[in-house]
Amino acid sequence: GRFTISRDDTKNTAYLQMNSLKPED
């Protein structure tokens, strides 16, 4: 519910979008 993993194969890149970050992250 807070993080989203994705990939863009045209850029050979994976991503991790991190929202609502907490100190324990």
mmCIF file of all heavy atoms, coordinates in Angstrom:
data_MODEL
# 
_entry.id   MODEL 
# 
loop_
_atom_site.group_PDB 
_atom_site.id 
_atom_site.type_symbol 
_atom_site.label_atom_id 
_atom_site.label_alt_id 
_atom_site.label_comp_id 
_atom_site.label_asym_id 
_atom_site.label_entity_id 
_atom_site.label_seq_id 
_atom_site.pdbx_PDB_ins_code 
_atom_site.Cartn_x 
_atom_site.Cartn_y 
_atom_site.Cartn_z 
_atom_site.occupancy 
_atom_site.B_iso_or_equiv 
_atom_site.pdbx_formal_charge 
_atom_site.auth_seq_id 
_atom_site.auth_comp_id 
_atom_site.auth_asym_id 
_atom_site.auth_atom_id 
_atom_site.pdbx_PDB_model_num 
ATOM 1   N N   . GLY A 1 1  ? 0.785  -1.214 0.000   1.00 0.00 ? 1  GLY A N   1 
ATOM 2   C CA  . GLY A 1 1  ? 0.000  0.000  0.000   1.00 0.00 ? 1  GLY A CA  1 
ATOM 3   C C   . GLY A 1 1  ? 0.818  1.265  0.000   1.00 0.00 ? 1  GLY A C   1 
ATOM 4   O O   . GLY A 1 1  ? 0.268  2.357  -0.191  1.00 0.00 ? 1  GLY A O   1 
ATOM 5   N N   . ARG A 1 2  ? 2.117  1.149  0.220   1.00 0.00 ? 2  ARG A N   1 
ATOM 6   C CA  . ARG A 1 2  ? 2.983  2.320  0.265   1.00 0.00 ? 2  ARG A CA  1 
ATOM 7   C C   . ARG A 1 2  ? 4.036  2.314  -0.838  1.00 0.00 ? 2  ARG A C   1 
ATOM 8   O O   . ARG A 1 2  ? 4.387  3.367  -1.359  1.00 0.00 ? 2  ARG A O   1 
ATOM 9   C CB  . ARG A 1 2  ? 3.685  2.422  1.620   1.00 0.00 ? 2  ARG A CB  1 
ATOM 10  C CG  . ARG A 1 2  ? 2.722  2.556  2.794   1.00 0.00 ? 2  ARG A CG  1 
ATOM 11  C CD  . ARG A 1 2  ? 3.470  2.865  4.084   1.00 0.00 ? 2  ARG A CD  1 
ATOM 12  N NE  . ARG A 1 2  ? 4.386  1.796  4.452   1.00 0.00 ? 2  ARG A NE  1 
ATOM 13  C CZ  . ARG A 1 2  ? 5.709  1.947  4.589   1.00 0.00 ? 2  ARG A CZ  1 
ATOM 14  N NH1 . ARG A 1 2  ? 6.266  3.139  4.387   1.00 0.00 ? 2  ARG A NH1 1 
ATOM 15  N NH2 . ARG A 1 2  ? 6.468  0.917  4.936   1.00 0.00 ? 2  ARG A NH2 1 
ATOM 16  N N   . PHE A 1 3  ? 4.556  1.136  -1.176  1.00 0.00 ? 3  PHE A N   1 
ATOM 17  C CA  . PHE A 1 3  ? 5.618  1.014  -2.173  1.00 0.00 ? 3  PHE A CA  1 
ATOM 18  C C   . PHE A 1 3  ? 5.055  0.404  -3.452  1.00 0.00 ? 3  PHE A C   1 
ATOM 19  O O   . PHE A 1 3  ? 4.129  -0.416 -3.418  1.00 0.00 ? 3  PHE A O   1 
ATOM 20  C CB  . PHE A 1 3  ? 6.744  0.110  -1.673  1.00 0.00 ? 3  PHE A CB  1 
ATOM 21  C CG  . PHE A 1 3  ? 7.571  0.677  -0.551  1.00 0.00 ? 3  PHE A CG  1 
ATOM 22  C CD1 . PHE A 1 3  ? 7.196  1.815  0.141   1.00 0.00 ? 3  PHE A CD1 1 
ATOM 23  C CD2 . PHE A 1 3  ? 8.746  0.037  -0.191  1.00 0.00 ? 3  PHE A CD2 1 
ATOM 24  C CE1 . PHE A 1 3  ? 7.965  2.321  1.177   1.00 0.00 ? 3  PHE A CE1 1 
ATOM 25  C CE2 . PHE A 1 3  ? 9.534  0.528  0.841   1.00 0.00 ? 3  PHE A CE2 1 
ATOM 26  C CZ  . PHE A 1 3  ? 9.137  1.671  1.523   1.00 0.00 ? 3  PHE A CZ  1 
ATOM 27  N N   . THR A 1 4  ? 5.636  0.787  -4.584  1.00 0.00 ? 4  THR A N   1 
ATOM 28  C CA  . THR A 1 4  ? 5.260  0.231  -5.873  1.00 0.00 ? 4  THR A CA  1 
ATOM 29  C C   . THR A 1 4  ? 6.508  -0.122 -6.660  1.00 0.00 ? 4  THR A C   1 
ATOM 30  O O   . THR A 1 4  ? 7.373  0.730  -6.865  1.00 0.00 ? 4  THR A O   1 
ATOM 31  C CB  . THR A 1 4  ? 4.411  1.218  -6.686  1.00 0.00 ? 4  THR A CB  1 
ATOM 32  O OG1 . THR A 1 4  ? 3.241  1.581  -5.950  1.00 0.00 ? 4  THR A OG1 1 
ATOM 33  C CG2 . THR A 1 4  ? 3.989  0.584  -8.009  1.00 0.00 ? 4  THR A CG2 1 
ATOM 34  N N   . ILE A 1 5  ? 6.590  -1.368 -7.100  1.00 0.00 ? 5  ILE A N   1 
ATOM 35  C CA  . ILE A 1 5  ? 7.697  -1.793 -7.944  1.00 0.00 ? 5  ILE A CA  1 
ATOM 36  C C   . ILE A 1 5  ? 7.250  -1.746 -9.402  1.00 0.00 ? 5  ILE A C   1 
ATOM 37  O O   . ILE A 1 5  ? 6.109  -2.065 -9.724  1.00 0.00 ? 5  ILE A O   1 
ATOM 38  C CB  . ILE A 1 5  ? 8.191  -3.205 -7.559  1.00 0.00 ? 5  ILE A CB  1 
ATOM 39  C CG1 . ILE A 1 5  ? 9.475  -3.549 -8.327  1.00 0.00 ? 5  ILE A CG1 1 
ATOM 40  C CG2 . ILE A 1 5  ? 7.114  -4.259 -7.788  1.00 0.00 ? 5  ILE A CG2 1 
ATOM 41  C CD1 . ILE A 1 5  ? 10.149 -4.823 -7.843  1.00 0.00 ? 5  ILE A CD1 1 
ATOM 42  N N   . SER A 1 6  ? 8.142  -1.335 -10.277 1.00 0.00 ? 6  SER A N   1 
ATOM 43  C CA  . SER A 1 6  ? 7.833  -1.266 -11.694 1.00 0.00 ? 6  SER A CA  1 
ATOM 44  C C   . SER A 1 6  ? 9.110  -1.458 -12.497 1.00 0.00 ? 6  SER A C   1 
ATOM 45  O O   . SER A 1 6  ? 10.205 -1.534 -11.937 1.00 0.00 ? 6  SER A O   1 
ATOM 46  C CB  . SER A 1 6  ? 7.159  0.064  -12.049 1.00 0.00 ? 6  SER A CB  1 
ATOM 47  O OG  . SER A 1 6  ? 8.028  1.152  -11.788 1.00 0.00 ? 6  SER A OG  1 
ATOM 48  N N   . ARG A 1 7  ? 8.960  -1.547 -13.805 1.00 0.00 ? 7  ARG A N   1 
ATOM 49  C CA  . ARG A 1 7  ? 10.127 -1.690 -14.669 1.00 0.00 ? 7  ARG A CA  1 
ATOM 50  C C   . ARG A 1 7  ? 9.857  -1.040 -16.010 1.00 0.00 ? 7  ARG A C   1 
ATOM 51  O O   . ARG A 1 7  ? 8.713  -0.973 -16.477 1.00 0.00 ? 7  ARG A O   1 
ATOM 52  C CB  . ARG A 1 7  ? 10.490 -3.166 -14.849 1.00 0.00 ? 7  ARG A CB  1 
ATOM 53  C CG  . ARG A 1 7  ? 9.408  -3.982 -15.546 1.00 0.00 ? 7  ARG A CG  1 
ATOM 54  C CD  . ARG A 1 7  ? 9.675  -5.478 -15.420 1.00 0.00 ? 7  ARG A CD  1 
ATOM 55  N NE  . ARG A 1 7  ? 10.923 -5.868 -16.051 1.00 0.00 ? 7  ARG A NE  1 
ATOM 56  C CZ  . ARG A 1 7  ? 11.600 -6.974 -15.767 1.00 0.00 ? 7  ARG A CZ  1 
ATOM 57  N NH1 . ARG A 1 7  ? 11.137 -7.800 -14.824 1.00 0.00 ? 7  ARG A NH1 1 
ATOM 58  N NH2 . ARG A 1 7  ? 12.727 -7.251 -16.404 1.00 0.00 ? 7  ARG A NH2 1 
ATOM 59  N N   . ASP A 1 8  ? 10.907 -0.557 -16.624 1.00 0.00 ? 8  ASP A N   1 
ATOM 60  C CA  . ASP A 1 8  ? 10.846 0.022  -17.957 1.00 0.00 ? 8  ASP A CA  1 
ATOM 61  C C   . ASP A 1 8  ? 11.904 -0.686 -18.787 1.00 0.00 ? 8  ASP A C   1 
ATOM 62  O O   . ASP A 1 8  ? 13.091 -0.374 -18.689 1.00 0.00 ? 8  ASP A O   1 
ATOM 63  C CB  . ASP A 1 8  ? 11.095 1.523  -17.907 1.00 0.00 ? 8  ASP A CB  1 
ATOM 64  C CG  . ASP A 1 8  ? 10.930 2.188  -19.262 1.00 0.00 ? 8  ASP A CG  1 
ATOM 65  O OD1 . ASP A 1 8  ? 10.930 1.487  -20.286 1.00 0.00 ? 8  ASP A OD1 1 
ATOM 66  O OD2 . ASP A 1 8  ? 10.797 3.423  -19.304 1.00 0.00 ? 8  ASP A OD2 1 
ATOM 67  N N   . ASP A 1 9  ? 11.473 -1.644 -19.587 1.00 0.00 ? 9  ASP A N   1 
ATOM 68  C CA  . ASP A 1 9  ? 12.421 -2.465 -20.332 1.00 0.00 ? 9  ASP A CA  1 
ATOM 69  C C   . ASP A 1 9  ? 13.131 -1.682 -21.436 1.00 0.00 ? 9  ASP A C   1 
ATOM 70  O O   . ASP A 1 9  ? 14.216 -2.070 -21.859 1.00 0.00 ? 9  ASP A O   1 
ATOM 71  C CB  . ASP A 1 9  ? 11.715 -3.685 -20.919 1.00 0.00 ? 9  ASP A CB  1 
ATOM 72  C CG  . ASP A 1 9  ? 11.283 -4.678 -19.859 1.00 0.00 ? 9  ASP A CG  1 
ATOM 73  O OD1 . ASP A 1 9  ? 11.676 -4.512 -18.686 1.00 0.00 ? 9  ASP A OD1 1 
ATOM 74  O OD2 . ASP A 1 9  ? 10.561 -5.634 -20.190 1.00 0.00 ? 9  ASP A OD2 1 
ATOM 75  N N   . THR A 1 10 ? 12.537 -0.599 -21.898 1.00 0.00 ? 10 THR A N   1 
ATOM 76  C CA  . THR A 1 10 ? 13.202 0.219  -22.903 1.00 0.00 ? 10 THR A CA  1 
ATOM 77  C C   . THR A 1 10 ? 14.395 0.952  -22.326 1.00 0.00 ? 10 THR A C   1 
ATOM 78  O O   . THR A 1 10 ? 15.292 1.366  -23.065 1.00 0.00 ? 10 THR A O   1 
ATOM 79  C CB  . THR A 1 10 ? 12.241 1.229  -23.535 1.00 0.00 ? 10 THR A CB  1 
ATOM 80  O OG1 . THR A 1 10 ? 11.847 2.209  -22.565 1.00 0.00 ? 10 THR A OG1 1 
ATOM 81  C CG2 . THR A 1 10 ? 11.006 0.533  -24.070 1.00 0.00 ? 10 THR A CG2 1 
ATOM 82  N N   . LYS A 1 11 ? 14.421 1.117  -21.006 1.00 0.00 ? 11 LYS A N   1 
ATOM 83  C CA  . LYS A 1 11 ? 15.521 1.793  -20.327 1.00 0.00 ? 11 LYS A CA  1 
ATOM 84  C C   . LYS A 1 11 ? 16.378 0.842  -19.502 1.00 0.00 ? 11 LYS A C   1 
ATOM 85  O O   . LYS A 1 11 ? 17.317 1.283  -18.836 1.00 0.00 ? 11 LYS A O   1 
ATOM 86  C CB  . LYS A 1 11 ? 14.982 2.896  -19.419 1.00 0.00 ? 11 LYS A CB  1 
ATOM 87  C CG  . LYS A 1 11 ? 14.223 3.986  -20.152 1.00 0.00 ? 11 LYS A CG  1 
ATOM 88  C CD  . LYS A 1 11 ? 13.702 5.041  -19.186 1.00 0.00 ? 11 LYS A CD  1 
ATOM 89  C CE  . LYS A 1 11 ? 12.959 6.136  -19.920 1.00 0.00 ? 11 LYS A CE  1 
ATOM 90  N NZ  . LYS A 1 11 ? 12.423 7.153  -18.981 1.00 0.00 ? 11 LYS A NZ  1 
ATOM 91  N N   . ASN A 1 12 ? 16.054 -0.445 -19.529 1.00 0.00 ? 12 ASN A N   1 
ATOM 92  C CA  . ASN A 1 12 ? 16.770 -1.445 -18.729 1.00 0.00 ? 12 ASN A CA  1 
ATOM 93  C C   . ASN A 1 12 ? 16.826 -1.035 -17.258 1.00 0.00 ? 12 ASN A C   1 
ATOM 94  O O   . ASN A 1 12 ? 17.866 -1.156 -16.600 1.00 0.00 ? 12 ASN A O   1 
ATOM 95  C CB  . ASN A 1 12 ? 18.179 -1.665 -19.265 1.00 0.00 ? 12 ASN A CB  1 
ATOM 96  C CG  . ASN A 1 12 ? 18.198 -2.314 -20.631 1.00 0.00 ? 12 ASN A CG  1 
ATOM 97  O OD1 . ASN A 1 12 ? 17.231 -2.952 -21.043 1.00 0.00 ? 12 ASN A OD1 1 
ATOM 98  N ND2 . ASN A 1 12 ? 19.310 -2.168 -21.336 1.00 0.00 ? 12 ASN A ND2 1 
ATOM 99  N N   . THR A 1 13 ? 15.705 -0.577 -16.747 1.00 0.00 ? 13 THR A N   1 
ATOM 100 C CA  . THR A 1 13 ? 15.676 -0.027 -15.401 1.00 0.00 ? 13 THR A CA  1 
ATOM 101 C C   . THR A 1 13 ? 14.460 -0.508 -14.630 1.00 0.00 ? 13 THR A C   1 
ATOM 102 O O   . THR A 1 13 ? 13.350 -0.556 -15.169 1.00 0.00 ? 13 THR A O   1 
ATOM 103 C CB  . THR A 1 13 ? 15.672 1.506  -15.448 1.00 0.00 ? 13 THR A CB  1 
ATOM 104 O OG1 . THR A 1 13 ? 16.846 1.965  -16.134 1.00 0.00 ? 13 THR A OG1 1 
ATOM 105 C CG2 . THR A 1 13 ? 15.671 2.096  -14.051 1.00 0.00 ? 13 THR A CG2 1 
ATOM 106 N N   . ALA A 1 14 ? 14.681 -0.868 -13.373 1.00 0.00 ? 14 ALA A N   1 
ATOM 107 C CA  . ALA A 1 14 ? 13.606 -1.167 -12.440 1.00 0.00 ? 14 ALA A CA  1 
ATOM 108 C C   . ALA A 1 14 ? 13.505 -0.038 -11.430 1.00 0.00 ? 14 ALA A C   1 
ATOM 109 O O   . ALA A 1 14 ? 14.491 0.656  -11.147 1.00 0.00 ? 14 ALA A O   1 
ATOM 110 C CB  . ALA A 1 14 ? 13.864 -2.491 -11.728 1.00 0.00 ? 14 ALA A CB  1 
ATOM 111 N N   . TYR A 1 15 ? 12.316 0.139  -10.873 1.00 0.00 ? 15 TYR A N   1 
ATOM 112 C CA  . TYR A 1 15 ? 12.067 1.236  -9.952  1.00 0.00 ? 15 TYR A CA  1 
ATOM 113 C C   . TYR A 1 15 ? 11.379 0.742  -8.693  1.00 0.00 ? 15 TYR A C   1 
ATOM 114 O O   . TYR A 1 15 ? 10.679 -0.267 -8.697  1.00 0.00 ? 15 TYR A O   1 
ATOM 115 C CB  . TYR A 1 15 ? 11.171 2.296  -10.593 1.00 0.00 ? 15 TYR A CB  1 
ATOM 116 C CG  . TYR A 1 15 ? 11.703 2.868  -11.877 1.00 0.00 ? 15 TYR A CG  1 
ATOM 117 C CD1 . TYR A 1 15 ? 11.312 2.354  -13.106 1.00 0.00 ? 15 TYR A CD1 1 
ATOM 118 C CD2 . TYR A 1 15 ? 12.603 3.926  -11.865 1.00 0.00 ? 15 TYR A CD2 1 
ATOM 119 C CE1 . TYR A 1 15 ? 11.795 2.870  -14.293 1.00 0.00 ? 15 TYR A CE1 1 
ATOM 120 C CE2 . TYR A 1 15 ? 13.094 4.460  -13.037 1.00 0.00 ? 15 TYR A CE2 1 
ATOM 121 C CZ  . TYR A 1 15 ? 12.691 3.932  -14.255 1.00 0.00 ? 15 TYR A CZ  1 
ATOM 122 O OH  . TYR A 1 15 ? 13.182 4.460  -15.427 1.00 0.00 ? 15 TYR A OH  1 
ATOM 123 N N   . LEU A 1 16 ? 11.565 1.489  -7.632  1.00 0.00 ? 16 LEU A N   1 
ATOM 124 C CA  . LEU A 1 16 ? 10.799 1.291  -6.415  1.00 0.00 ? 16 LEU A CA  1 
ATOM 125 C C   . LEU A 1 16 ? 10.315 2.654  -5.954  1.00 0.00 ? 16 LEU A C   1 
ATOM 126 O O   . LEU A 1 16 ? 11.106 3.471  -5.475  1.00 0.00 ? 16 LEU A O   1 
ATOM 127 C CB  . LEU A 1 16 ? 11.633 0.622  -5.317  1.00 0.00 ? 16 LEU A CB  1 
ATOM 128 C CG  . LEU A 1 16 ? 10.870 0.282  -4.039  1.00 0.00 ? 16 LEU A CG  1 
ATOM 129 C CD1 . LEU A 1 16 ? 9.870  -0.849 -4.308  1.00 0.00 ? 16 LEU A CD1 1 
ATOM 130 C CD2 . LEU A 1 16 ? 11.827 -0.115 -2.920  1.00 0.00 ? 16 LEU A CD2 1 
ATOM 131 N N   . GLN A 1 17 ? 9.031  2.906  -6.141  1.00 0.00 ? 17 GLN A N   1 
ATOM 132 C CA  . GLN A 1 17 ? 8.424  4.135  -5.670  1.00 0.00 ? 17 GLN A CA  1 
ATOM 133 C C   . GLN A 1 17 ? 8.012  3.942  -4.224  1.00 0.00 ? 17 GLN A C   1 
ATOM 134 O O   . GLN A 1 17 ? 7.239  3.035  -3.915  1.00 0.00 ? 17 GLN A O   1 
ATOM 135 C CB  . GLN A 1 17 ? 7.200  4.498  -6.518  1.00 0.00 ? 17 GLN A CB  1 
ATOM 136 C CG  . GLN A 1 17 ? 6.470  5.751  -6.056  1.00 0.00 ? 17 GLN A CG  1 
ATOM 137 C CD  . GLN A 1 17 ? 7.281  7.007  -6.237  1.00 0.00 ? 17 GLN A CD  1 
ATOM 138 O OE1 . GLN A 1 17 ? 7.873  7.214  -7.294  1.00 0.00 ? 17 GLN A OE1 1 
ATOM 139 N NE2 . GLN A 1 17 ? 7.334  7.843  -5.209  1.00 0.00 ? 17 GLN A NE2 1 
ATOM 140 N N   . MET A 1 18 ? 8.513  4.771  -3.343  1.00 0.00 ? 18 MET A N   1 
ATOM 141 C CA  . MET A 1 18 ? 8.265  4.642  -1.915  1.00 0.00 ? 18 MET A CA  1 
ATOM 142 C C   . MET A 1 18 ? 7.518  5.876  -1.431  1.00 0.00 ? 18 MET A C   1 
ATOM 143 O O   . MET A 1 18 ? 8.046  6.988  -1.483  1.00 0.00 ? 18 MET A O   1 
ATOM 144 C CB  . MET A 1 18 ? 9.577  4.476  -1.152  1.00 0.00 ? 18 MET A CB  1 
ATOM 145 C CG  . MET A 1 18 ? 10.437 3.315  -1.652  1.00 0.00 ? 18 MET A CG  1 
ATOM 146 S SD  . MET A 1 18 ? 11.909 3.054  -0.635  1.00 0.00 ? 18 MET A SD  1 
ATOM 147 C CE  . MET A 1 18 ? 12.779 4.599  -0.959  1.00 0.00 ? 18 MET A CE  1 
ATOM 148 N N   . ASN A 1 19 ? 6.300  5.674  -0.978  1.00 0.00 ? 19 ASN A N   1 
ATOM 149 C CA  . ASN A 1 19 ? 5.471  6.748  -0.459  1.00 0.00 ? 19 ASN A CA  1 
ATOM 150 C C   . ASN A 1 19 ? 5.180  6.524  1.015   1.00 0.00 ? 19 ASN A C   1 
ATOM 151 O O   . ASN A 1 19 ? 5.342  5.419  1.529   1.00 0.00 ? 19 ASN A O   1 
ATOM 152 C CB  . ASN A 1 19 ? 4.148  6.830  -1.230  1.00 0.00 ? 19 ASN A CB  1 
ATOM 153 C CG  . ASN A 1 19 ? 4.334  7.137  -2.689  1.00 0.00 ? 19 ASN A CG  1 
ATOM 154 O OD1 . ASN A 1 19 ? 5.249  7.851  -3.081  1.00 0.00 ? 19 ASN A OD1 1 
ATOM 155 N ND2 . ASN A 1 19 ? 3.435  6.603  -3.518  1.00 0.00 ? 19 ASN A ND2 1 
ATOM 156 N N   . SER A 1 20 ? 4.737  7.567  1.679   1.00 0.00 ? 20 SER A N   1 
ATOM 157 C CA  . SER A 1 20 ? 4.384  7.489  3.100   1.00 0.00 ? 20 SER A CA  1 
ATOM 158 C C   . SER A 1 20 ? 5.492  6.830  3.901   1.00 0.00 ? 20 SER A C   1 
ATOM 159 O O   . SER A 1 20 ? 5.256  5.937  4.719   1.00 0.00 ? 20 SER A O   1 
ATOM 160 C CB  . SER A 1 20 ? 3.066  6.725  3.273   1.00 0.00 ? 20 SER A CB  1 
ATOM 161 O OG  . SER A 1 20 ? 2.011  7.350  2.565   1.00 0.00 ? 20 SER A OG  1 
ATOM 162 N N   . LEU A 1 21 ? 6.698  7.283  3.696   1.00 0.00 ? 21 LEU A N   1 
ATOM 163 C CA  . LEU A 1 21 ? 7.853  6.663  4.330   1.00 0.00 ? 21 LEU A CA  1 
ATOM 164 C C   . LEU A 1 21 ? 7.812  6.827  5.843   1.00 0.00 ? 21 LEU A C   1 
ATOM 165 O O   . LEU A 1 21 ? 7.371  7.848  6.364   1.00 0.00 ? 21 LEU A O   1 
ATOM 166 C CB  . LEU A 1 21 ? 9.137  7.247  3.771   1.00 0.00 ? 21 LEU A CB  1 
ATOM 167 C CG  . LEU A 1 21 ? 9.510  6.710  2.388   1.00 0.00 ? 21 LEU A CG  1 
ATOM 168 C CD1 . LEU A 1 21 ? 10.510 7.627  1.705   1.00 0.00 ? 21 LEU A CD1 1 
ATOM 169 C CD2 . LEU A 1 21 ? 10.074 5.298  2.511   1.00 0.00 ? 21 LEU A CD2 1 
ATOM 170 N N   . LYS A 1 22 ? 8.299  5.796  6.519   1.00 0.00 ? 22 LYS A N   1 
ATOM 171 C CA  . LYS A 1 22 ? 8.350  5.744  7.963   1.00 0.00 ? 22 LYS A CA  1 
ATOM 172 C C   . LYS A 1 22 ? 9.795  5.599  8.419   1.00 0.00 ? 22 LYS A C   1 
ATOM 173 O O   . LYS A 1 22 ? 10.632 5.096  7.676   1.00 0.00 ? 22 LYS A O   1 
ATOM 174 C CB  . LYS A 1 22 ? 7.542  4.548  8.477   1.00 0.00 ? 22 LYS A CB  1 
ATOM 175 C CG  . LYS A 1 22 ? 6.099  4.504  8.016   1.00 0.00 ? 22 LYS A CG  1 
ATOM 176 C CD  . LYS A 1 22 ? 5.435  3.210  8.465   1.00 0.00 ? 22 LYS A CD  1 
ATOM 177 C CE  . LYS A 1 22 ? 3.997  3.138  7.990   1.00 0.00 ? 22 LYS A CE  1 
ATOM 178 N NZ  . LYS A 1 22 ? 3.356  1.865  8.407   1.00 0.00 ? 22 LYS A NZ  1 
ATOM 179 N N   . PRO A 1 23 ? 10.105 6.009  9.642   1.00 0.00 ? 23 PRO A N   1 
ATOM 180 C CA  . PRO A 1 23 ? 11.479 5.829  10.129  1.00 0.00 ? 23 PRO A CA  1 
ATOM 181 C C   . PRO A 1 23 ? 11.961 4.384  10.037  1.00 0.00 ? 23 PRO A C   1 
ATOM 182 O O   . PRO A 1 23 ? 13.150 4.154  9.791   1.00 0.00 ? 23 PRO A O   1 
ATOM 183 C CB  . PRO A 1 23 ? 11.389 6.298  11.581  1.00 0.00 ? 23 PRO A CB  1 
ATOM 184 C CG  . PRO A 1 23 ? 10.307 7.328  11.555  1.00 0.00 ? 23 PRO A CG  1 
ATOM 185 C CD  . PRO A 1 23 ? 9.286  6.784  10.584  1.00 0.00 ? 23 PRO A CD  1 
ATOM 186 N N   . GLU A 1 24 ? 11.079 3.422  10.220  1.00 0.00 ? 24 GLU A N   1 
ATOM 187 C CA  . GLU A 1 24 ? 11.474 2.024  10.142  1.00 0.00 ? 24 GLU A CA  1 
ATOM 188 C C   . GLU A 1 24 ? 11.815 1.572  8.728   1.00 0.00 ? 24 GLU A C   1 
ATOM 189 O O   . GLU A 1 24 ? 12.292 0.449  8.534   1.00 0.00 ? 24 GLU A O   1 
ATOM 190 C CB  . GLU A 1 24 ? 10.398 1.109  10.740  1.00 0.00 ? 24 GLU A CB  1 
ATOM 191 C CG  . GLU A 1 24 ? 9.003  1.335  10.184  1.00 0.00 ? 24 GLU A CG  1 
ATOM 192 C CD  . GLU A 1 24 ? 8.157  2.228  11.067  1.00 0.00 ? 24 GLU A CD  1 
ATOM 193 O OE1 . GLU A 1 24 ? 8.675  3.247  11.569  1.00 0.00 ? 24 GLU A OE1 1 
ATOM 194 O OE2 . GLU A 1 24 ? 6.969  1.908  11.272  1.00 0.00 ? 24 GLU A OE2 1 
ATOM 195 N N   . ASP A 1 25 ? 11.582 2.421  7.733   1.00 0.00 ? 25 ASP A N   1 
ATOM 196 C CA  . ASP A 1 25 ? 12.009 2.126  6.373   1.00 0.00 ? 25 ASP A CA  1 
ATOM 197 C C   . ASP A 1 25 ? 13.485 2.447  6.157   1.00 0.00 ? 25 ASP A C   1 
ATOM 198 O O   . ASP A 1 25 ? 14.031 2.131  5.094   1.00 0.00 ? 25 ASP A O   1 
ATOM 199 C CB  . ASP A 1 25 ? 11.178 2.912  5.358   1.00 0.00 ? 25 ASP A CB  1 
ATOM 200 C CG  . ASP A 1 25 ? 9.721  2.503  5.341   1.00 0.00 ? 25 ASP A CG  1 
ATOM 201 O OD1 . ASP A 1 25 ? 9.436  1.292  5.427   1.00 0.00 ? 25 ASP A OD1 1 
ATOM 202 O OD2 . ASP A 1 25 ? 8.860  3.403  5.238   1.00 0.00 ? 25 ASP A OD2 1 
# 
